[in-house]
Amino acid sequence: MKCDPFDVLIRPLLTEKITGLQDRANRVAFVVKHDVNRIEIRRAVESALNVKVKSVNVMKVMGKKKRQGRYLGKRPDWKKAIVTLHEGEKLELYESA
């Protein structure tokens, strides 16, 4: 499947846990499309952000059930990719000014 890297990577994921992983283990996280695999995520990150990727871990996150009064709804399911970068690689995307 040949597609644009920006179609694969939906947005970066910024949480306290991910920020800690970035400091300790040189990892970053992204919300990605449902139908992509590790190889496509690796190629998208390397071409879009100009970094070397060491490994990619992928997980599906199930949406929570939410209530609004008597009505029951569900948030959408989504896919998360945690990307480990090689030593010496850094993303300016996560740097604060």
PDB file of N, CA and C in Angstrom:
ATOM      1  N   MET A   1       0.838  -1.179   0.000  1.00  0.00           N
ATOM      2  CA  MET A   1       0.000   0.000   0.000  1.00  0.00           C
ATOM      3  C   MET A   1       0.879   1.237   0.000  1.00  0.00           C
ATOM      4  N   LYS A   2       0.827   1.995  -1.042  1.00  0.00           N
ATOM      5  CA  LYS A   2       1.642   3.191  -1.178  1.00  0.00           C
ATOM      6  C   LYS A   2       0.776   4.400  -0.839  1.00  0.00           C
ATOM      7  N   CYS A   3       1.152   5.151   0.181  1.00  0.00           N
ATOM      8  CA  CYS A   3       0.366   6.327   0.539  1.00  0.00           C
ATOM      9  C   CYS A   3       1.272   7.404   1.121  1.00  0.00           C
ATOM     10  N   ASP A   4       0.722   8.577   1.239  1.00  0.00           N
ATOM     11  CA  ASP A   4       1.437   9.734   1.752  1.00  0.00           C
ATOM     12  C   ASP A   4       1.708   9.541   3.251  1.00  0.00           C
ATOM     13  N   PRO A   5       2.902   9.935   3.746  1.00  0.00           N
ATOM     14  CA  PRO A   5       3.191   9.759   5.175  1.00  0.00           C
ATOM     15  C   PRO A   5       2.224  10.517   6.068  1.00  0.00           C
ATOM     16  N   PHE A   6       1.704  11.625   5.579  1.00  0.00           N
ATOM     17  CA  PHE A   6       0.804  12.419   6.400  1.00  0.00           C
ATOM     18  C   PHE A   6      -0.613  11.852   6.397  1.00  0.00           C
ATOM     19  N   ASP A   7      -0.882  10.850   5.542  1.00  0.00           N
ATOM     20  CA  ASP A   7      -2.138  10.112   5.628  1.00  0.00           C
ATOM     21  C   ASP A   7      -2.045   9.013   6.681  1.00  0.00           C
ATOM     22  N   VAL A   8      -0.847   8.511   6.923  1.00  0.00           N
ATOM     23  CA  VAL A   8      -0.636   7.453   7.909  1.00  0.00           C
ATOM     24  C   VAL A   8      -0.625   8.034   9.321  1.00  0.00           C
ATOM     25  N   LEU A   9       0.137   9.104   9.535  1.00  0.00           N
ATOM     26  CA  LEU A   9       0.259   9.731  10.850  1.00  0.00           C
ATOM     27  C   LEU A   9      -0.840  10.772  11.003  1.00  0.00           C
ATOM     28  N   ILE A  10      -1.756  10.548  11.917  1.00  0.00           N
ATOM     29  CA  ILE A  10      -2.861  11.486  12.096  1.00  0.00           C
ATOM     30  C   ILE A  10      -2.418  12.682  12.935  1.00  0.00           C
ATOM     31  N   ARG A  11      -1.829  12.401  14.112  1.00  0.00           N
ATOM     32  CA  ARG A  11      -1.341  13.490  14.975  1.00  0.00           C
ATOM     33  C   ARG A  11      -0.373  12.914  15.998  1.00  0.00           C
ATOM     34  N   PRO A  12       0.503  13.754  16.547  1.00  0.00           N
ATOM     35  CA  PRO A  12       1.367  13.272  17.628  1.00  0.00           C
ATOM     36  C   PRO A  12       0.558  13.133  18.910  1.00  0.00           C
ATOM     37  N   LEU A  13       0.989  12.251  19.767  1.00  0.00           N
ATOM     38  CA  LEU A  13       0.312  12.001  21.029  1.00  0.00           C
ATOM     39  C   LEU A  13       1.170  12.580  22.143  1.00  0.00           C
ATOM     40  N   LEU A  14       0.635  13.550  22.869  1.00  0.00           N
ATOM     41  CA  LEU A  14       1.381  14.210  23.931  1.00  0.00           C
ATOM     42  C   LEU A  14       0.678  14.003  25.263  1.00  0.00           C
ATOM     43  N   THR A  15       1.220  13.120  26.083  1.00  0.00           N
ATOM     44  CA  THR A  15       0.718  12.892  27.432  1.00  0.00           C
ATOM     45  C   THR A  15       1.911  12.907  28.385  1.00  0.00           C
ATOM     46  N   GLU A  16       1.642  12.872  29.672  1.00  0.00           N
ATOM     47  CA  GLU A  16       2.737  12.846  30.643  1.00  0.00           C
ATOM     48  C   GLU A  16       3.550  11.564  30.512  1.00  0.00           C
ATOM     49  N   LYS A  17       2.873  10.463  30.283  1.00  0.00           N
ATOM     50  CA  LYS A  17       3.560   9.176  30.164  1.00  0.00           C
ATOM     51  C   LYS A  17       4.466   9.148  28.928  1.00  0.00           C
ATOM     52  N   ILE A  18       3.979   9.671  27.816  1.00  0.00           N
ATOM     53  CA  ILE A  18       4.772   9.706  26.586  1.00  0.00           C
ATOM     54  C   ILE A  18       5.951  10.670  26.732  1.00  0.00           C
ATOM     55  N   THR A  19       5.742  11.786  27.413  1.00  0.00           N
ATOM     56  CA  THR A  19       6.834  12.728  27.638  1.00  0.00           C
ATOM     57  C   THR A  19       7.934  12.083  28.486  1.00  0.00           C
ATOM     58  N   GLY A  20       7.554  11.293  29.480  1.00  0.00           N
ATOM     59  CA  GLY A  20       8.530  10.556  30.281  1.00  0.00           C
ATOM     60  C   GLY A  20       9.284   9.533  29.460  1.00  0.00           C
ATOM     61  N   LEU A  21       8.574   8.844  28.555  1.00  0.00           N
ATOM     62  CA  LEU A  21       9.235   7.887  27.664  1.00  0.00           C
ATOM     63  C   LEU A  21      10.215   8.575  26.730  1.00  0.00           C
ATOM     64  N   GLN A  22       9.862   9.771  26.293  1.00  0.00           N
ATOM     65  CA  GLN A  22      10.753  10.505  25.401  1.00  0.00           C
ATOM     66  C   GLN A  22      12.047  10.874  26.118  1.00  0.00           C
ATOM     67  N   ASP A  23      11.943  11.278  27.362  1.00  0.00           N
ATOM     68  CA  ASP A  23      13.132  11.661  28.125  1.00  0.00           C
ATOM     69  C   ASP A  23      14.005  10.455  28.465  1.00  0.00           C
ATOM     70  N   ARG A  24      13.371   9.340  28.871  1.00  0.00           N
ATOM     71  CA  ARG A  24      14.121   8.176  29.318  1.00  0.00           C
ATOM     72  C   ARG A  24      14.592   7.276  28.190  1.00  0.00           C
ATOM     73  N   ALA A  25      13.721   7.008  27.197  1.00  0.00           N
ATOM     74  CA  ALA A  25      14.015   5.951  26.232  1.00  0.00           C
ATOM     75  C   ALA A  25      14.027   6.423  24.783  1.00  0.00           C
ATOM     76  N   ASN A  26      13.967   7.729  24.540  1.00  0.00           N
ATOM     77  CA  ASN A  26      13.993   8.292  23.182  1.00  0.00           C
ATOM     78  C   ASN A  26      12.855   7.725  22.330  1.00  0.00           C
ATOM     79  N   ARG A  27      11.633   7.774  22.884  1.00  0.00           N
ATOM     80  CA  ARG A  27      10.443   7.278  22.192  1.00  0.00           C
ATOM     81  C   ARG A  27       9.450   8.404  21.989  1.00  0.00           C
ATOM     82  N   VAL A  28       8.719   8.328  20.889  1.00  0.00           N
ATOM     83  CA  VAL A  28       7.643   9.267  20.598  1.00  0.00           C
ATOM     84  C   VAL A  28       6.406   8.465  20.201  1.00  0.00           C
ATOM     85  N   ALA A  29       5.229   9.087  20.308  1.00  0.00           N
ATOM     86  CA  ALA A  29       3.991   8.362  20.022  1.00  0.00           C
ATOM     87  C   ALA A  29       3.127   9.153  19.054  1.00  0.00           C
ATOM     88  N   PHE A  30       2.371   8.412  18.243  1.00  0.00           N
ATOM     89  CA  PHE A  30       1.483   9.010  17.252  1.00  0.00           C
ATOM     90  C   PHE A  30       0.158   8.267  17.244  1.00  0.00           C
ATOM     91  N   VAL A  31      -0.900   8.998  16.901  1.00  0.00           N
ATOM     92  CA  VAL A  31      -2.167   8.373  16.561  1.00  0.00           C
ATOM     93  C   VAL A  31      -2.092   8.098  15.068  1.00  0.00           C
ATOM     94  N   VAL A  32      -2.345   6.850  14.670  1.00  0.00           N
ATOM     95  CA  VAL A  32      -2.208   6.447  13.269  1.00  0.00           C
ATOM     96  C   VAL A  32      -3.523   5.883  12.753  1.00  0.00           C
ATOM     97  N   LYS A  33      -3.601   5.706  11.430  1.00  0.00           N
ATOM     98  CA  LYS A  33      -4.786   5.119  10.819  1.00  0.00           C
ATOM     99  C   LYS A  33      -4.955   3.666  11.259  1.00  0.00           C
ATOM    100  N   HIS A  34      -6.193   3.194  11.220  1.00  0.00           N
ATOM    101  CA  HIS A  34      -6.507   1.833  11.657  1.00  0.00           C
ATOM    102  C   HIS A  34      -5.880   0.752  10.789  1.00  0.00           C
ATOM    103  N   ASP A  35      -5.762   0.995   9.489  1.00  0.00           N
ATOM    104  CA  ASP A  35      -5.402  -0.079   8.566  1.00  0.00           C
ATOM    105  C   ASP A  35      -3.931  -0.093   8.169  1.00  0.00           C
ATOM    106  N   VAL A  36      -3.054   0.549   8.922  1.00  0.00           N
ATOM    107  CA  VAL A  36      -1.627   0.541   8.591  1.00  0.00           C
ATOM    108  C   VAL A  36      -0.893  -0.423   9.512  1.00  0.00           C
ATOM    109  N   ASN A  37       0.264  -0.900   9.045  1.00  0.00           N
ATOM    110  CA  ASN A  37       1.063  -1.820   9.850  1.00  0.00           C
ATOM    111  C   ASN A  37       2.370  -1.143  10.274  1.00  0.00           C
ATOM    112  N   ARG A  38       3.214  -1.896  10.970  1.00  0.00           N
ATOM    113  CA  ARG A  38       4.463  -1.343  11.513  1.00  0.00           C
ATOM    114  C   ARG A  38       5.399  -0.826  10.426  1.00  0.00           C
ATOM    115  N   ILE A  39       5.484  -1.543   9.336  1.00  0.00           N
ATOM    116  CA  ILE A  39       6.396  -1.160   8.259  1.00  0.00           C
ATOM    117  C   ILE A  39       5.971   0.167   7.650  1.00  0.00           C
ATOM    118  N   GLU A  40       4.680   0.342   7.415  1.00  0.00           N
ATOM    119  CA  GLU A  40       4.184   1.596   6.855  1.00  0.00           C
ATOM    120  C   GLU A  40       4.362   2.752   7.832  1.00  0.00           C
ATOM    121  N   ILE A  41       4.196   2.490   9.123  1.00  0.00           N
ATOM    122  CA  ILE A  41       4.412   3.536  10.129  1.00  0.00           C
ATOM    123  C   ILE A  41       5.879   3.932  10.157  1.00  0.00           C
ATOM    124  N   ARG A  42       6.787   2.947  10.111  1.00  0.00           N
ATOM    125  CA  ARG A  42       8.224   3.227  10.103  1.00  0.00           C
ATOM    126  C   ARG A  42       8.603   4.100   8.901  1.00  0.00           C
ATOM    127  N   ARG A  43       8.134   3.726   7.713  1.00  0.00           N
ATOM    128  CA  ARG A  43       8.449   4.496   6.509  1.00  0.00           C
ATOM    129  C   ARG A  43       7.875   5.904   6.577  1.00  0.00           C
ATOM    130  N   ALA A  44       6.670   6.037   7.112  1.00  0.00           N
ATOM    131  CA  ALA A  44       6.034   7.358   7.208  1.00  0.00           C
ATOM    132  C   ALA A  44       6.800   8.270   8.156  1.00  0.00           C
ATOM    133  N   VAL A  45       7.215   7.747   9.318  1.00  0.00           N
ATOM    134  CA  VAL A  45       7.955   8.560  10.286  1.00  0.00           C
ATOM    135  C   VAL A  45       9.317   8.945   9.728  1.00  0.00           C
ATOM    136  N   GLU A  46      10.009   8.003   9.100  1.00  0.00           N
ATOM    137  CA  GLU A  46      11.338   8.297   8.557  1.00  0.00           C
ATOM    138  C   GLU A  46      11.280   9.314   7.428  1.00  0.00           C
ATOM    139  N   SER A  47      10.281   9.219   6.563  1.00  0.00           N
ATOM    140  CA  SER A  47      10.222  10.164   5.439  1.00  0.00           C
ATOM    141  C   SER A  47       9.653  11.519   5.838  1.00  0.00           C
ATOM    142  N   ALA A  48       8.699  11.555   6.734  1.00  0.00           N
ATOM    143  CA  ALA A  48       8.064  12.823   7.102  1.00  0.00           C
ATOM    144  C   ALA A  48       8.908  13.633   8.075  1.00  0.00           C
ATOM    145  N   LEU A  49       9.610  12.962   8.990  1.00  0.00           N
ATOM    146  CA  LEU A  49      10.317  13.669  10.054  1.00  0.00           C
ATOM    147  C   LEU A  49      11.836  13.590   9.950  1.00  0.00           C
ATOM    148  N   ASN A  50      12.360  12.884   8.964  1.00  0.00           N
ATOM    149  CA  ASN A  50      13.803  12.782   8.711  1.00  0.00           C
ATOM    150  C   ASN A  50      14.583  12.283   9.929  1.00  0.00           C
ATOM    151  N   VAL A  51      14.135  11.162  10.492  1.00  0.00           N
ATOM    152  CA  VAL A  51      14.825  10.520  11.612  1.00  0.00           C
ATOM    153  C   VAL A  51      14.967   9.032  11.301  1.00  0.00           C
ATOM    154  N   LYS A  52      15.869   8.354  12.016  1.00  0.00           N
ATOM    155  CA  LYS A  52      16.048   6.912  11.887  1.00  0.00           C
ATOM    156  C   LYS A  52      15.242   6.217  12.986  1.00  0.00           C
ATOM    157  N   VAL A  53      14.405   5.266  12.593  1.00  0.00           N
ATOM    158  CA  VAL A  53      13.548   4.552  13.527  1.00  0.00           C
ATOM    159  C   VAL A  53      14.184   3.215  13.887  1.00  0.00           C
ATOM    160  N   LYS A  54      14.251   2.943  15.178  1.00  0.00           N
ATOM    161  CA  LYS A  54      14.805   1.684  15.657  1.00  0.00           C
ATOM    162  C   LYS A  54      13.727   0.605  15.720  1.00  0.00           C
ATOM    163  N   SER A  55      12.569   0.922  16.301  1.00  0.00           N
ATOM    164  CA  SER A  55      11.476  -0.045  16.373  1.00  0.00           C
ATOM    165  C   SER A  55      10.142   0.678  16.485  1.00  0.00           C
ATOM    166  N   VAL A  56       9.083  -0.069  16.202  1.00  0.00           N
ATOM    167  CA  VAL A  56       7.725   0.473  16.267  1.00  0.00           C
ATOM    168  C   VAL A  56       6.854  -0.509  17.040  1.00  0.00           C
ATOM    169  N   ASN A  57       6.173  -0.027  18.067  1.00  0.00           N
ATOM    170  CA  ASN A  57       5.196  -0.812  18.811  1.00  0.00           C
ATOM    171  C   ASN A  57       3.818  -0.228  18.522  1.00  0.00           C
ATOM    172  N   VAL A  58       2.856  -1.098  18.246  1.00  0.00           N
ATOM    173  CA  VAL A  58       1.523  -0.661  17.844  1.00  0.00           C
ATOM    174  C   VAL A  58       0.491  -1.277  18.772  1.00  0.00           C
ATOM    175  N   MET A  59      -0.522  -0.495  19.142  1.00  0.00           N
ATOM    176  CA  MET A  59      -1.609  -1.029  19.947  1.00  0.00           C
ATOM    177  C   MET A  59      -2.928  -0.386  19.558  1.00  0.00           C
ATOM    178  N   LYS A  60      -3.997  -1.161  19.675  1.00  0.00           N
ATOM    179  CA  LYS A  60      -5.336  -0.654  19.433  1.00  0.00           C
ATOM    180  C   LYS A  60      -5.923  -0.217  20.764  1.00  0.00           C
ATOM    181  N   VAL A  61      -6.513   0.965  20.792  1.00  0.00           N
ATOM    182  CA  VAL A  61      -7.136   1.492  21.997  1.00  0.00           C
ATOM    183  C   VAL A  61      -8.641   1.482  21.768  1.00  0.00           C
ATOM    184  N   MET A  62      -9.354   0.772  22.607  1.00  0.00           N
ATOM    185  CA  MET A  62     -10.797   0.688  22.476  1.00  0.00           C
ATOM    186  C   MET A  62     -11.456   1.925  23.086  1.00  0.00           C
ATOM    187  N   GLY A  63     -12.459   2.452  22.401  1.00  0.00           N
ATOM    188  CA  GLY A  63     -13.158   3.635  22.877  1.00  0.00           C
ATOM    189  C   GLY A  63     -14.008   3.332  24.101  1.00  0.00           C
ATOM    190  N   LYS A  64     -14.128   4.324  24.967  1.00  0.00           N
ATOM    191  CA  LYS A  64     -14.901   4.145  26.193  1.00  0.00           C
ATOM    192  C   LYS A  64     -16.391   4.319  25.931  1.00  0.00           C
ATOM    193  N   LYS A  65     -17.192   3.658  26.752  1.00  0.00           N
ATOM    194  CA  LYS A  65     -18.631   3.876  26.702  1.00  0.00           C
ATOM    195  C   LYS A  65     -18.945   5.097  27.557  1.00  0.00           C
ATOM    196  N   LYS A  66     -19.730   6.011  27.029  1.00  0.00           N
ATOM    197  CA  LYS A  66     -20.072   7.245  27.725  1.00  0.00           C
ATOM    198  C   LYS A  66     -21.583   7.424  27.755  1.00  0.00           C
ATOM    199  N   ARG A  67     -22.068   8.027  28.814  1.00  0.00           N
ATOM    200  CA  ARG A  67     -23.495   8.295  28.955  1.00  0.00           C
ATOM    201  C   ARG A  67     -23.738   9.793  28.903  1.00  0.00           C
ATOM    202  N   GLN A  68     -24.854  10.150  28.298  1.00  0.00           N
ATOM    203  CA  GLN A  68     -25.344  11.524  28.324  1.00  0.00           C
ATOM    204  C   GLN A  68     -26.798  11.427  28.762  1.00  0.00           C
ATOM    205  N   GLY A  69     -27.012  11.534  30.063  1.00  0.00           N
ATOM    206  CA  GLY A  69     -28.352  11.317  30.590  1.00  0.00           C
ATOM    207  C   GLY A  69     -28.733   9.854  30.464  1.00  0.00           C
ATOM    208  N   ARG A  70     -29.822   9.576  29.772  1.00  0.00           N
ATOM    209  CA  ARG A  70     -30.252   8.188  29.607  1.00  0.00           C
ATOM    210  C   ARG A  70     -29.717   7.557  28.329  1.00  0.00           C
ATOM    211  N   TYR A  71     -29.001   8.314  27.530  1.00  0.00           N
ATOM    212  CA  TYR A  71     -28.487   7.817  26.249  1.00  0.00           C
ATOM    213  C   TYR A  71     -27.074   7.296  26.416  1.00  0.00           C
ATOM    214  N   LEU A  72     -26.840   6.141  25.854  1.00  0.00           N
ATOM    215  CA  LEU A  72     -25.527   5.519  25.927  1.00  0.00           C
ATOM    216  C   LEU A  72     -24.829   5.676  24.588  1.00  0.00           C
ATOM    217  N   GLY A  73     -23.589   6.109  24.611  1.00  0.00           N
ATOM    218  CA  GLY A  73     -22.805   6.263  23.392  1.00  0.00           C
ATOM    219  C   GLY A  73     -21.437   5.644  23.570  1.00  0.00           C
ATOM    220  N   LYS A  74     -20.627   5.727  22.542  1.00  0.00           N
ATOM    221  CA  LYS A  74     -19.291   5.140  22.594  1.00  0.00           C
ATOM    222  C   LYS A  74     -18.336   6.028  21.822  1.00  0.00           C
ATOM    223  N   ARG A  75     -17.186   6.275  22.413  1.00  0.00           N
ATOM    224  CA  ARG A  75     -16.131   7.005  21.703  1.00  0.00           C
ATOM    225  C   ARG A  75     -15.494   6.074  20.684  1.00  0.00           C
ATOM    226  N   PRO A  76     -14.921   6.635  19.619  1.00  0.00           N
ATOM    227  CA  PRO A  76     -14.363   5.758  18.580  1.00  0.00           C
ATOM    228  C   PRO A  76     -13.088   5.047  19.030  1.00  0.00           C
ATOM    229  N   ASP A  77     -12.861   3.863  18.455  1.00  0.00           N
ATOM    230  CA  ASP A  77     -11.609   3.133  18.661  1.00  0.00           C
ATOM    231  C   ASP A  77     -10.515   3.820  17.846  1.00  0.00           C
ATOM    232  N   TRP A  78      -9.247   3.712  18.308  1.00  0.00           N
ATOM    233  CA  TRP A  78      -8.147   4.322  17.585  1.00  0.00           C
ATOM    234  C   TRP A  78      -6.886   3.488  17.774  1.00  0.00           C
ATOM    235  N   LYS A  79      -5.887   3.786  16.975  1.00  0.00           N
ATOM    236  CA  LYS A  79      -4.645   3.014  16.973  1.00  0.00           C
ATOM    237  C   LYS A  79      -3.485   3.923  17.365  1.00  0.00           C
ATOM    238  N   LYS A  80      -2.631   3.420  18.259  1.00  0.00           N
ATOM    239  CA  LYS A  80      -1.497   4.190  18.775  1.00  0.00           C
ATOM    240  C   LYS A  80      -0.202   3.501  18.380  1.00  0.00           C
ATOM    241  N   ALA A  81       0.778   4.285  17.945  1.00  0.00           N
ATOM    242  CA  ALA A  81       2.097   3.753  17.603  1.00  0.00           C
ATOM    243  C   ALA A  81       3.147   4.439  18.459  1.00  0.00           C
ATOM    244  N   ILE A  82       3.946   3.639  19.168  1.00  0.00           N
ATOM    245  CA  ILE A  82       5.066   4.172  19.946  1.00  0.00           C
ATOM    246  C   ILE A  82       6.333   3.839  19.170  1.00  0.00           C
ATOM    247  N   VAL A  83       7.041   4.881  18.752  1.00  0.00           N
ATOM    248  CA  VAL A  83       8.202   4.751  17.870  1.00  0.00           C
ATOM    249  C   VAL A  83       9.468   5.015  18.675  1.00  0.00           C
ATOM    250  N   THR A  84      10.391   4.050  18.663  1.00  0.00           N
ATOM    251  CA  THR A  84      11.686   4.215  19.307  1.00  0.00           C
ATOM    252  C   THR A  84      12.682   4.699  18.266  1.00  0.00           C
ATOM    253  N   LEU A  85      13.361   5.808  18.574  1.00  0.00           N
ATOM    254  CA  LEU A  85      14.339   6.388  17.660  1.00  0.00           C
ATOM    255  C   LEU A  85      15.737   5.892  18.001  1.00  0.00           C
ATOM    256  N   HIS A  86      16.626   5.902  17.013  1.00  0.00           N
ATOM    257  CA  HIS A  86      18.018   5.530  17.243  1.00  0.00           C
ATOM    258  C   HIS A  86      18.695   6.545  18.148  1.00  0.00           C
ATOM    259  N   GLU A  87      19.822   6.132  18.734  1.00  0.00           N
ATOM    260  CA  GLU A  87      20.596   7.015  19.596  1.00  0.00           C
ATOM    261  C   GLU A  87      21.043   8.255  18.820  1.00  0.00           C
ATOM    262  N   GLY A  88      20.927   9.402  19.424  1.00  0.00           N
ATOM    263  CA  GLY A  88      21.349  10.642  18.791  1.00  0.00           C
ATOM    264  C   GLY A  88      20.270  11.315  17.962  1.00  0.00           C
ATOM    265  N   GLU A  89      19.192  10.611  17.660  1.00  0.00           N
ATOM    266  CA  GLU A  89      18.087  11.201  16.901  1.00  0.00           C
ATOM    267  C   GLU A  89      17.182  11.973  17.851  1.00  0.00           C
ATOM    268  N   LYS A  90      16.654  13.092  17.367  1.00  0.00           N
ATOM    269  CA  LYS A  90      15.796  13.924  18.190  1.00  0.00           C
ATOM    270  C   LYS A  90      14.760  14.584  17.311  1.00  0.00           C
ATOM    271  N   LEU A  91      13.571  14.813  17.843  1.00  0.00           N
ATOM    272  CA  LEU A  91      12.519  15.495  17.107  1.00  0.00           C
ATOM    273  C   LEU A  91      12.309  16.891  17.666  1.00  0.00           C
ATOM    274  N   GLU A  92      12.337  17.884  16.797  1.00  0.00           N
ATOM    275  CA  GLU A  92      12.061  19.248  17.222  1.00  0.00           C
ATOM    276  C   GLU A  92      10.575  19.468  17.446  1.00  0.00           C
ATOM    277  N   LEU A  93       9.777  18.506  16.987  1.00  0.00           N
ATOM    278  CA  LEU A  93       8.329  18.562  17.129  1.00  0.00           C
ATOM    279  C   LEU A  93       7.924  18.644  18.600  1.00  0.00           C
ATOM    280  N   TYR A  94       8.672  17.980  19.467  1.00  0.00           N
ATOM    281  CA  TYR A  94       8.344  17.908  20.874  1.00  0.00           C
ATOM    282  C   TYR A  94       9.105  18.924  21.726  1.00  0.00           C
ATOM    283  N   GLU A  95       9.984  19.684  21.149  1.00  0.00           N
ATOM    284  CA  GLU A  95      10.781  20.645  21.905  1.00  0.00           C
ATOM    285  C   GLU A  95       9.970  21.891  22.182  1.00  0.00           C
ATOM    286  N   SER A  96      10.085  22.434  23.374  1.00  0.00           N
ATOM    287  CA  SER A  96       9.386  23.681  23.713  1.00  0.00           C
ATOM    288  C   SER A  96      10.338  24.855  23.531  1.00  0.00           C
ATOM    289  N   ALA A  97       9.771  25.989  23.190  1.00  0.00           N
ATOM    290  CA  ALA A  97      10.601  27.177  22.906  1.00  0.00           C
ATOM    291  C   ALA A  97      10.980  27.912  24.149  1.00  0.00           C
TER     292      ALA A  97
END
